[in-house]
Amino acid sequence: MKEENNTLVDEAERRLQAVLAVLQGQSASHVQQQYHLGRSDLYKFKRRALVAMRAAVADQKRGPQRPANRVSGETEQQLRTVCERYPTWSSYQVQRHLGPEAPCPRTIQRVRKRCGLPRVPKRPLPRRPRKRFSAAEQHLIRATVQTKLYLGPLRLAWDLRNQHGLQVSASTVRRVKRRILTALHPPPARTQWRRYERKHPHSLWHGDLLEKVTLTYEDRTAYQLTLLDDYSRAYVFCDLFRAVSVNTTIRALIAAMRVYRTIPKAVVFDNGPYFKGQLLTAFCRRLGIRLIHSTVYHPQTNGKLERAFRDDMQEFYHQHEKWLFNDLRHSLPAYVTYRNQVRGHYALRGHPAVTRLREQHFFALPPVLDHLERYAWCARGYTRVGENGRLRLNGRKVYISPRLSGQTLRLYETLDGLEAEDAEGKCYLLRHYRTEIYPPLWSAKDPARLYCFRRRYTSGRTGVPGMAATRDVREKPGEQGIATMQSSP
């Protein structure tokens, strides 16, 4: 067996040497005698060698000649059957018809192209060319429509047919009439909204109330007071209240400042009464906060928060069958945590708000944060104490120490209430000043109730650490970071 293999190898080598000799230019007769081959066999082997050489030097397509994920023959036949039966179907319709095991629409398109199965359009081919009006007919149609703009498209089409013999559809007349009316009364220019975004966290806070929460069984509205950071879209404060006043707004600002250890550069509110007043204005001025109120009847100024409220209604409130105040207020912190740390925002390219909150690199000084309430006060003028320590505020009788009868007191409004200061510098406090002395117009008044000032040994507006420095910073904005800010460690 081994001798036979050697013999075959020697025979193949002899033929190869003979072909090479012919290709090198030796004569065929000489090669025949040397290698003992017939002329016909020699030229046959030469022809085979040339074919093999051409195939060897030709460019070959890289990769497998058949894709590894090619559909099976059974699946391809099934696709072909469906495409032949429904030639007007798209690849997506074929995929839905075959079920979840069907290949993707792109594969179905390749199979259809490979098998020569065209997709036939559903709409049949037009049997006649589209009708075109001449220039004279177009001018006649336009002139007729322009003289009778008060008529509808159908009436105008009938007049053109009966008077001028023109067969015009009502839709064509409607288009001509629309073009004429647009030329006579051009539409107003499209509003170009000016979008803005701050460059750092806590540069600007938006504040507003969500007033669409009507409590079940109570037939009254609960108010969601929210503060949103413009740069990160995070809720820095969010809570639910039964009633809101300007004091509530200030306390919300103080709570947010202490949580994030910062003082915002500016806050934006609408023109509601709970976002206006001398107390809020004085509080922001002393802390160097720019207080901004949006334009009246222009909620787009506070658009980021308005859009967030729409998400709150869908993602939080509509998930509760009953709107009970205690249940909603108990569940609200978990939703705020989800919104700030998990939920992606379109403006942040899907990232949560906390990713931008981490960019905070400046923090307020602890002495300022510990005494924020002392910055909220404003002067309320003077009043004279009558006999037996009686005085009047907003038409109500208020009593104070009788020994102050005949003296003139200076009044200050604070977060705790109304402070009265006598000539010796002693302070007296009237609590619930806003809710009882100056209640809302719809609340019932109790004329028989007595209101009294109580002695207060520590004023809510005196002894504020750094008050002088804060005023200096307000006069010199370039040095604000020295008095109220310190760099992060």
Protein backbone atom coordinates (compact mmCIF):
# COMPACT_ATOMS: atom_id res chain seq x y z
CA MET A 1 0.00 0.00 0.00
CA LYS A 2 2.85 2.30 0.89
CA GLU A 3 4.57 1.53 -2.43
CA GLU A 4 1.36 2.48 -4.33
CA ASN A 5 1.15 5.85 -2.54
CA ASN A 6 4.77 6.57 -3.37
CA THR A 7 4.11 5.70 -6.98
CA LEU A 8 1.15 8.15 -7.15
CA VAL A 9 3.23 10.91 -5.60
CA ASP A 10 6.05 10.34 -8.08
CA GLU A 11 3.58 10.39 -11.00
CA ALA A 12 2.03 13.71 -9.85
CA GLU A 13 5.48 15.24 -9.34
CA ARG A 14 6.55 14.12 -12.82
CA ARG A 15 3.49 15.75 -14.40
CA LEU A 16 4.09 18.99 -12.41
CA GLN A 17 7.71 19.19 -13.58
CA ALA A 18 6.57 18.58 -17.16
CA VAL A 19 4.01 21.43 -17.00
CA LEU A 20 6.58 23.78 -15.43
CA ALA A 21 9.05 22.94 -18.19
CA VAL A 22 6.48 23.79 -20.87
CA LEU A 23 5.61 27.05 -19.10
CA GLN A 24 9.32 27.91 -18.94
CA GLY A 25 9.51 27.75 -22.78
CA GLN A 26 10.92 24.30 -23.52
CA SER A 27 9.63 22.58 -26.64
CA ALA A 28 6.77 20.13 -26.30
CA SER A 29 8.65 17.34 -28.14
CA HIS A 30 11.65 17.62 -25.85
CA VAL A 31 9.38 17.53 -22.72
CA GLN A 32 7.55 14.48 -24.10
CA GLN A 33 10.74 12.50 -24.43
CA GLN A 34 12.14 13.62 -21.08
CA TYR A 35 9.03 12.92 -18.95
CA HIS A 36 7.48 10.16 -21.07
CA LEU A 37 4.13 11.91 -21.62
CA GLY A 38 1.90 12.10 -24.69
CA ARG A 39 1.30 15.44 -26.40
CA SER A 40 -2.46 15.48 -25.60
CA ASP A 41 -1.81 14.67 -21.91
CA LEU A 42 0.83 17.36 -21.68
CA TYR A 43 -1.48 20.11 -23.04
CA LYS A 44 -4.35 18.82 -20.87
CA PHE A 45 -2.23 19.17 -17.73
CA LYS A 46 -1.07 22.63 -18.88
CA ARG A 47 -4.66 23.79 -19.35
CA ARG A 48 -5.64 22.53 -15.86
CA ALA A 49 -2.64 24.27 -14.32
CA LEU A 50 -3.54 27.61 -15.90
CA VAL A 51 -7.15 27.38 -14.63
CA ALA A 52 -5.91 26.60 -11.11
CA MET A 53 -3.44 29.48 -11.21
CA ARG A 54 -6.09 31.98 -12.31
CA ALA A 55 -8.37 30.84 -9.50
CA ALA A 56 -5.52 31.12 -7.00
CA VAL A 57 -4.62 34.73 -7.88
CA ALA A 58 -8.26 35.97 -8.11
CA ASP A 59 -9.69 38.09 -5.20
CA GLN A 60 -11.71 36.04 -2.75
CA LYS A 61 -14.56 37.45 -0.62
CA ARG A 62 -13.58 37.45 3.01
CA GLY A 63 -15.61 35.75 5.67
CA PRO A 64 -17.89 32.77 5.35
CA GLN A 65 -19.71 32.35 2.08
CA ARG A 66 -22.93 31.58 3.99
CA PRO A 67 -23.87 33.54 7.15
CA ALA A 68 -23.98 31.56 10.33
CA ASN A 69 -27.37 32.95 11.33
CA ARG A 70 -29.10 32.37 8.01
CA VAL A 71 -32.69 31.26 8.40
CA SER A 72 -33.44 27.63 7.91
CA GLY A 73 -34.99 26.31 4.75
CA GLU A 74 -38.29 25.61 6.50
CA THR A 75 -38.53 29.17 7.84
CA GLU A 76 -37.58 30.64 4.46
CA GLN A 77 -40.26 28.57 2.75
CA GLN A 78 -42.81 29.74 5.30
CA LEU A 79 -41.83 33.38 4.68
CA ARG A 80 -42.05 32.86 0.95
CA THR A 81 -45.53 31.35 1.22
CA VAL A 82 -46.84 34.27 3.28
CA CYS A 83 -45.26 36.89 1.00
CA GLU A 84 -46.74 35.22 -2.08
CA ARG A 85 -50.19 35.08 -0.49
CA TYR A 86 -50.14 38.66 0.83
CA PRO A 87 -48.00 40.65 -1.63
CA THR A 88 -49.19 44.01 -0.26
CA TRP A 89 -48.04 43.34 3.30
CA SER A 90 -44.98 45.05 4.73
CA SER A 91 -42.21 43.15 6.50
CA TYR A 92 -43.66 44.23 9.88
CA GLN A 93 -47.08 42.83 8.97
CA VAL A 94 -45.50 39.54 7.89
CA GLN A 95 -43.60 39.34 11.17
CA ARG A 96 -46.77 39.93 13.22
CA HIS A 97 -48.59 37.28 11.18
CA LEU A 98 -45.92 34.63 11.79
CA GLY A 99 -45.75 35.25 15.54
CA PRO A 100 -42.89 35.68 18.00
CA GLU A 101 -40.70 33.03 16.32
CA ALA A 102 -40.51 35.00 13.09
CA PRO A 103 -37.22 36.67 12.08
CA CYS A 104 -36.75 40.44 12.25
CA PRO A 105 -38.30 42.66 9.52
CA ARG A 106 -34.89 43.32 7.93
CA THR A 107 -34.34 39.60 7.45
CA ILE A 108 -37.79 39.28 5.89
CA GLN A 109 -36.86 42.05 3.42
CA ARG A 110 -33.65 40.20 2.48
CA VAL A 111 -35.55 36.92 1.94
CA ARG A 112 -38.11 38.73 -0.21
CA LYS A 113 -35.35 40.29 -2.32
CA ARG A 114 -33.43 37.01 -2.64
CA CYS A 115 -36.54 35.14 -3.76
CA GLY A 116 -37.64 37.89 -6.16
CA LEU A 117 -40.92 38.62 -4.37
CA PRO A 118 -41.84 42.29 -4.90
CA ARG A 119 -44.13 44.18 -2.56
CA VAL A 120 -47.21 45.32 -4.45
CA PRO A 121 -48.62 48.72 -3.37
CA LYS A 122 -52.14 48.69 -1.97
CA ARG A 123 -53.26 51.65 -4.02
CA PRO A 124 -53.92 50.70 -7.64
CA LEU A 125 -52.10 52.48 -10.39
CA PRO A 126 -53.90 55.54 -11.80
CA ARG A 127 -55.93 54.80 -14.90
CA ARG A 128 -55.74 58.35 -16.27
CA PRO A 129 -53.33 61.24 -15.84
CA ARG A 130 -54.01 63.86 -13.21
CA LYS A 131 -56.16 66.72 -14.38
CA ARG A 132 -54.30 70.00 -14.78
CA PHE A 133 -55.95 73.38 -15.11
CA SER A 134 -54.56 75.84 -17.62
CA ALA A 135 -53.32 79.24 -16.56
CA ALA A 136 -56.58 80.89 -17.72
CA GLU A 137 -58.69 78.39 -15.77
CA GLN A 138 -56.59 78.88 -12.65
CA HIS A 139 -57.02 82.65 -12.93
CA LEU A 140 -60.81 82.21 -13.36
CA ILE A 141 -61.07 79.95 -10.30
CA ARG A 142 -59.04 82.36 -8.15
CA ALA A 143 -61.04 85.39 -9.28
CA THR A 144 -64.36 83.64 -8.59
CA VAL A 145 -63.27 82.54 -5.13
CA GLN A 146 -61.84 85.97 -4.30
CA THR A 147 -65.10 87.74 -5.14
CA LYS A 148 -67.20 85.32 -3.06
CA LEU A 149 -65.10 84.61 0.02
CA TYR A 150 -68.27 84.46 2.11
CA LEU A 151 -69.35 81.21 0.35
CA GLY A 152 -68.19 77.74 1.29
CA PRO A 153 -66.06 75.45 -0.92
CA LEU A 154 -68.99 73.37 -2.11
CA ARG A 155 -71.07 76.39 -3.12
CA LEU A 156 -68.11 77.88 -4.98
CA ALA A 157 -67.51 74.59 -6.83
CA TRP A 158 -71.17 74.52 -7.91
CA ASP A 159 -71.00 78.13 -9.16
CA LEU A 160 -67.88 77.35 -11.21
CA ARG A 161 -69.59 74.32 -12.75
CA ASN A 162 -72.93 75.99 -13.50
CA GLN A 163 -71.60 79.37 -14.64
CA HIS A 164 -68.28 78.54 -16.34
CA GLY A 165 -68.52 74.78 -16.99
CA LEU A 166 -65.49 73.94 -14.87
CA GLN A 167 -65.49 70.68 -12.94
CA VAL A 168 -63.63 71.60 -9.79
CA SER A 169 -63.66 69.59 -6.57
CA ALA A 170 -64.54 71.22 -3.26
CA SER A 171 -61.12 70.34 -1.82
CA THR A 172 -59.38 72.24 -4.63
CA VAL A 173 -61.57 75.28 -3.98
CA ARG A 174 -60.84 74.99 -0.26
CA ARG A 175 -57.08 75.08 -0.91
CA VAL A 176 -57.40 78.12 -3.17
CA LYS A 177 -59.56 79.92 -0.62
CA ARG A 178 -57.10 79.09 2.20
CA ARG A 179 -54.21 80.56 0.20
CA ILE A 180 -56.17 83.75 -0.45
CA LEU A 181 -57.16 84.17 3.20
CA THR A 182 -53.59 83.50 4.34
CA ALA A 183 -52.33 86.22 2.00
CA LEU A 184 -54.96 88.67 3.27
CA HIS A 185 -54.54 87.83 6.95
CA PRO A 186 -51.08 86.34 7.53
CA PRO A 187 -50.80 84.28 10.72
CA PRO A 188 -48.85 85.76 13.63
CA ALA A 189 -45.20 84.89 13.93
CA ARG A 190 -44.44 81.80 15.92
CA THR A 191 -43.46 82.55 19.49
CA GLN A 192 -39.75 82.11 20.08
CA TRP A 193 -39.31 80.96 23.65
CA ARG A 194 -36.15 82.02 25.39
CA ARG A 195 -34.94 78.97 27.30
CA TYR A 196 -32.46 79.28 30.11
CA GLU A 197 -30.51 77.07 32.51
CA ARG A 198 -28.08 78.02 35.23
CA LYS A 199 -24.57 76.61 35.18
CA HIS A 200 -24.20 75.52 38.80
CA PRO A 201 -26.41 73.89 41.42
CA HIS A 202 -28.33 76.18 43.80
CA SER A 203 -27.82 79.21 41.56
CA LEU A 204 -31.57 79.56 41.06
CA TRP A 205 -34.55 77.98 42.82
CA HIS A 206 -38.08 77.89 41.43
CA GLY A 207 -40.95 77.98 43.89
CA ASP A 208 -44.64 77.40 43.33
CA LEU A 209 -47.77 75.71 44.67
CA LEU A 210 -49.57 72.70 43.20
CA GLU A 211 -53.22 73.52 43.87
CA LYS A 212 -54.96 70.56 42.17
CA VAL A 213 -55.09 68.17 45.13
CA THR A 214 -58.69 68.02 46.34
CA LEU A 215 -58.78 65.87 49.46
CA THR A 216 -61.26 63.01 49.60
CA TYR A 217 -64.06 63.32 52.19
CA GLU A 218 -62.97 66.89 53.05
CA ASP A 219 -63.93 68.84 49.91
CA ARG A 220 -60.97 71.17 50.36
CA THR A 221 -57.65 71.68 48.61
CA ALA A 222 -54.24 70.69 49.88
CA TYR A 223 -51.25 72.66 48.68
CA GLN A 224 -47.94 71.12 47.62
CA LEU A 225 -45.24 73.73 48.18
CA THR A 226 -42.19 72.88 46.10
CA LEU A 227 -38.76 74.40 45.55
CA LEU A 228 -36.90 73.15 42.46
CA ASP A 229 -33.24 73.70 41.62
CA ASP A 230 -32.91 75.08 38.09
CA TYR A 231 -29.60 73.39 37.20
CA SER A 232 -30.25 69.88 38.52
CA ARG A 233 -34.10 69.74 38.33
CA ALA A 234 -34.07 68.36 41.88
CA TYR A 235 -36.71 69.05 44.49
CA VAL A 236 -34.82 70.78 47.29
CA PHE A 237 -38.06 71.10 49.26
CA CYS A 238 -41.47 69.47 48.82
CA ASP A 239 -44.24 69.17 51.37
CA LEU A 240 -48.03 69.18 51.61
CA PHE A 241 -49.97 71.81 53.59
CA ARG A 242 -53.58 72.55 54.33
CA ALA A 243 -52.93 76.31 54.29
CA VAL A 244 -49.98 78.35 53.05
CA SER A 245 -48.78 81.83 53.97
CA VAL A 246 -45.65 83.87 53.40
CA ASN A 247 -44.29 82.47 56.68
CA THR A 248 -44.65 78.96 55.26
CA THR A 249 -42.63 79.99 52.21
CA ILE A 250 -39.83 81.43 54.35
CA ARG A 251 -39.68 78.34 56.56
CA ALA A 252 -39.52 76.16 53.44
CA LEU A 253 -36.56 78.20 52.18
CA ILE A 254 -34.84 77.87 55.54
CA ALA A 255 -35.38 74.10 55.62
CA ALA A 256 -33.93 73.69 52.11
CA MET A 257 -30.92 75.86 52.93
CA ARG A 258 -30.10 73.77 55.99
CA VAL A 259 -30.52 70.46 54.21
CA TYR A 260 -28.18 71.42 51.35
CA ARG A 261 -25.98 73.77 53.46
CA THR A 262 -26.22 76.56 50.94
CA ILE A 263 -27.88 79.88 50.20
CA PRO A 264 -29.26 80.25 46.66
CA LYS A 265 -28.30 83.21 44.56
CA ALA A 266 -31.87 83.81 43.35
CA VAL A 267 -35.41 82.44 43.75
CA VAL A 268 -38.30 82.70 41.27
CA PHE A 269 -41.92 82.80 42.43
CA ASP A 270 -45.21 83.71 40.83
CA ASN A 271 -47.34 86.61 41.98
CA GLY A 272 -49.36 84.77 44.64
CA PRO A 273 -49.83 86.45 48.03
CA TYR A 274 -47.84 83.69 49.75
CA PHE A 275 -44.77 84.66 47.68
CA LYS A 276 -44.96 88.40 48.25
CA GLY A 277 -44.67 90.74 51.20
CA GLN A 278 -42.23 92.86 53.12
CA LEU A 279 -41.18 89.95 55.32
CA LEU A 280 -40.04 87.77 52.42
CA THR A 281 -38.42 90.72 50.65
CA ALA A 282 -36.43 91.69 53.74
CA PHE A 283 -35.40 88.07 54.39
CA CYS A 284 -34.01 87.67 50.87
CA ARG A 285 -32.33 91.07 50.89
CA ARG A 286 -30.44 90.39 54.12
CA LEU A 287 -29.16 87.03 52.83
CA GLY A 288 -28.18 88.43 49.43
CA ILE A 289 -30.84 86.42 47.58
CA ARG A 290 -32.31 87.96 44.45
CA LEU A 291 -36.11 87.70 44.67
CA ILE A 292 -37.72 87.37 41.22
CA HIS A 293 -41.44 87.33 40.44
CA SER A 294 -42.65 85.99 37.11
CA THR A 295 -44.63 88.09 34.67
CA VAL A 296 -48.36 88.17 35.33
CA TYR A 297 -50.29 85.59 33.27
CA HIS A 298 -47.04 84.12 31.97
CA PRO A 299 -46.44 80.75 33.68
CA GLN A 300 -43.72 79.86 31.15
CA THR A 301 -41.26 81.82 33.29
CA ASN A 302 -41.63 79.06 35.88
CA GLY A 303 -42.06 76.40 33.21
CA LYS A 304 -39.64 73.84 34.67
CA LEU A 305 -41.69 73.57 37.85
CA GLU A 306 -45.02 73.65 36.00
CA ARG A 307 -43.84 70.68 33.91
CA ALA A 308 -42.68 68.89 37.05
CA PHE A 309 -46.13 69.35 38.61
CA ARG A 310 -47.69 67.56 35.65
CA ASP A 311 -45.40 64.61 36.30
CA ASP A 312 -46.27 64.70 40.01
CA MET A 313 -49.97 64.39 39.25
CA GLN A 314 -49.43 61.40 36.98
CA GLU A 315 -46.67 59.58 38.86
CA PHE A 316 -47.72 60.26 42.46
CA TYR A 317 -51.24 61.52 43.06
CA HIS A 318 -53.00 59.45 40.40
CA GLN A 319 -51.42 56.31 41.90
CA HIS A 320 -53.57 56.79 45.04
CA GLU A 321 -57.21 55.83 44.89
CA LYS A 322 -58.11 58.22 47.72
CA TRP A 323 -56.43 61.50 48.42
CA LEU A 324 -56.16 61.51 52.19
CA PHE A 325 -53.97 64.24 53.64
CA ASN A 326 -52.03 62.11 56.13
CA ASP A 327 -51.46 59.27 53.65
CA LEU A 328 -50.26 61.62 50.91
CA ARG A 329 -47.95 63.51 53.23
CA HIS A 330 -46.52 60.24 54.55
CA SER A 331 -45.81 58.90 51.03
CA LEU A 332 -44.48 62.16 49.56
CA PRO A 333 -40.86 61.91 50.90
CA ALA A 334 -40.36 58.51 49.25
CA TYR A 335 -41.53 59.90 45.93
CA VAL A 336 -39.22 62.92 46.24
CA THR A 337 -36.29 60.57 46.94
CA TYR A 338 -37.15 58.52 43.86
CA ARG A 339 -37.48 61.66 41.75
CA ASN A 340 -34.12 63.07 42.82
CA GLN A 341 -32.03 59.90 42.89
CA VAL A 342 -33.55 57.40 40.42
CA ARG A 343 -35.82 59.05 37.89
CA GLY A 344 -34.09 60.17 34.70
CA HIS A 345 -34.73 63.59 33.22
CA TYR A 346 -34.87 64.37 29.53
CA ALA A 347 -32.88 67.58 29.95
CA LEU A 348 -30.14 65.60 31.74
CA ARG A 349 -30.05 62.89 29.02
CA GLY A 350 -31.62 60.28 31.25
CA HIS A 351 -29.48 60.90 34.33
CA PRO A 352 -31.06 61.55 37.75
CA ALA A 353 -30.94 64.95 39.39
CA VAL A 354 -28.51 63.82 42.09
CA THR A 355 -25.71 63.60 39.51
CA ARG A 356 -25.76 67.38 39.17
CA LEU A 357 -26.37 68.03 42.84
CA ARG A 358 -23.01 66.36 43.55
CA GLU A 359 -21.31 69.18 41.65
CA GLN A 360 -21.93 71.55 44.56
CA HIS A 361 -18.57 73.05 45.57
CA PHE A 362 -19.55 75.87 47.93
CA PHE A 363 -21.34 75.76 51.26
CA ALA A 364 -22.79 78.36 53.59
CA LEU A 365 -21.16 79.14 56.92
CA PRO A 366 -22.68 77.21 59.85
CA PRO A 367 -23.25 80.37 61.99
CA VAL A 368 -25.43 81.78 59.22
CA LEU A 369 -27.41 78.56 58.78
CA ASP A 370 -28.03 78.23 62.53
CA HIS A 371 -29.73 81.63 62.78
CA LEU A 372 -31.62 81.97 59.50
CA GLU A 373 -34.89 82.74 61.29
CA ARG A 374 -33.35 85.93 62.71
CA TYR A 375 -32.96 87.34 59.21
CA ALA A 376 -36.73 87.27 58.67
CA TRP A 377 -38.11 90.47 60.14
CA CYS A 378 -39.41 93.81 58.93
CA ALA A 379 -40.58 97.03 60.55
CA ARG A 380 -44.32 97.58 60.91
CA GLY A 381 -44.38 101.19 62.12
CA TYR A 382 -45.38 102.61 65.51
CA THR A 383 -48.45 102.42 67.78
CA ARG A 384 -49.46 104.20 70.97
CA VAL A 385 -50.70 102.26 73.98
CA GLY A 386 -54.02 103.48 75.42
CA GLU A 387 -55.43 103.22 78.89
CA ASN A 388 -54.97 99.94 80.79
CA GLY A 389 -52.50 98.73 78.17
CA ARG A 390 -55.04 98.57 75.36
CA LEU A 391 -54.27 99.22 71.70
CA ARG A 392 -55.95 98.45 68.38
CA LEU A 393 -54.56 96.46 65.45
CA ASN A 394 -56.63 96.00 62.31
CA GLY A 395 -59.77 96.99 64.20
CA ARG A 396 -59.19 94.48 67.01
CA LYS A 397 -58.50 95.07 70.66
CA VAL A 398 -55.06 93.90 71.74
CA TYR A 399 -53.73 94.16 75.31
CA ILE A 400 -50.21 94.63 76.61
CA SER A 401 -48.71 95.36 80.03
CA PRO A 402 -50.64 98.27 81.69
CA ARG A 403 -47.42 99.97 82.77
CA LEU A 404 -46.79 100.80 79.09
CA SER A 405 -49.93 102.95 78.90
CA GLY A 406 -49.23 106.19 77.08
CA GLN A 407 -45.97 104.98 75.54
CA THR A 408 -45.21 104.62 71.85
CA LEU A 409 -44.12 101.14 70.77
CA ARG A 410 -42.22 100.19 67.67
CA LEU A 411 -43.61 97.11 65.88
CA TYR A 412 -41.64 94.43 63.99
CA GLU A 413 -43.01 91.41 62.16
CA THR A 414 -41.05 88.15 62.59
CA LEU A 415 -41.66 84.50 61.86
CA ASP A 416 -42.89 83.98 65.43
CA GLY A 417 -45.39 86.83 65.28
CA LEU A 418 -45.56 90.57 65.92
CA GLU A 419 -42.91 92.06 68.21
CA ALA A 420 -43.40 95.30 70.11
CA GLU A 421 -40.38 97.13 71.48
CA ASP A 422 -40.70 99.84 74.15
CA ALA A 423 -38.37 102.74 74.88
CA GLU A 424 -36.19 100.62 77.18
CA GLY A 425 -35.61 97.98 74.48
CA LYS A 426 -37.84 95.33 76.07
CA CYS A 427 -39.73 93.11 73.64
CA TYR A 428 -43.26 91.73 73.69
CA LEU A 429 -44.57 89.10 71.29
CA LEU A 430 -48.04 88.62 69.82
CA ARG A 431 -48.19 85.13 68.31
CA HIS A 432 -50.44 84.08 65.42
CA TYR A 433 -50.30 87.62 64.11
CA ARG A 434 -50.90 86.67 60.48
CA THR A 435 -53.62 84.06 61.02
CA GLU A 436 -55.69 85.86 63.67
CA ILE A 437 -55.05 89.62 63.54
CA TYR A 438 -54.76 89.73 59.74
CA PRO A 439 -56.67 86.61 58.68
CA PRO A 440 -57.71 85.87 55.09
CA LEU A 441 -60.89 87.55 53.89
CA TRP A 442 -62.86 84.29 53.79
CA SER A 443 -62.09 83.32 57.40
CA ALA A 444 -64.60 84.04 60.20
CA LYS A 445 -63.66 86.65 62.78
CA ASP A 446 -64.30 86.25 66.52
CA PRO A 447 -64.81 89.75 67.96
CA ALA A 448 -65.09 88.43 71.53
CA ARG A 449 -61.61 86.91 71.59
CA LEU A 450 -58.82 88.68 73.48
CA TYR A 451 -55.32 89.05 72.08
CA CYS A 452 -52.39 89.81 74.35
CA PHE A 453 -48.70 90.62 73.93
CA ARG A 454 -46.46 88.40 76.06
CA ARG A 455 -43.10 89.42 77.45
CA ARG A 456 -40.22 88.07 75.37
CA TYR A 457 -36.73 88.06 76.82
CA THR A 458 -34.91 87.16 73.59
CA SER A 459 -35.81 89.03 70.45
CA GLY A 460 -36.12 87.12 67.20
CA ARG A 461 -34.28 89.81 65.32
CA THR A 462 -31.47 90.95 67.61
CA GLY A 463 -28.10 89.39 68.27
CA VAL A 464 -27.89 87.98 64.75
CA PRO A 465 -24.27 86.84 64.22
CA GLY A 466 -22.70 88.33 61.16
CA MET A 467 -25.52 90.82 60.52
CA ALA A 468 -23.13 93.68 59.87
CA ALA A 469 -21.01 91.53 57.59
CA THR A 470 -24.11 90.49 55.66
CA ARG A 471 -25.06 94.10 55.08
CA ASP A 472 -21.52 94.89 53.92
CA VAL A 473 -21.66 92.01 51.48
CA ARG A 474 -24.94 93.28 50.10
CA GLU A 475 -23.21 96.57 49.35
CA LYS A 476 -20.19 94.80 47.87
CA PRO A 477 -21.40 91.80 45.84
CA GLY A 478 -17.87 90.84 44.90
CA GLU A 479 -17.11 89.94 48.54
CA GLN A 480 -20.23 87.86 49.14
CA GLY A 481 -18.30 84.61 49.24
CA ILE A 482 -16.19 85.90 52.14
CA ALA A 483 -19.07 86.53 54.51
CA THR A 484 -21.61 83.84 53.67
CA MET A 485 -19.74 81.09 51.83
CA GLN A 486 -16.81 78.82 52.42
CA SER A 487 -15.15 76.38 50.05
CA SER A 488 -15.92 72.71 50.35
CA PRO A 489 -13.22 70.62 52.02
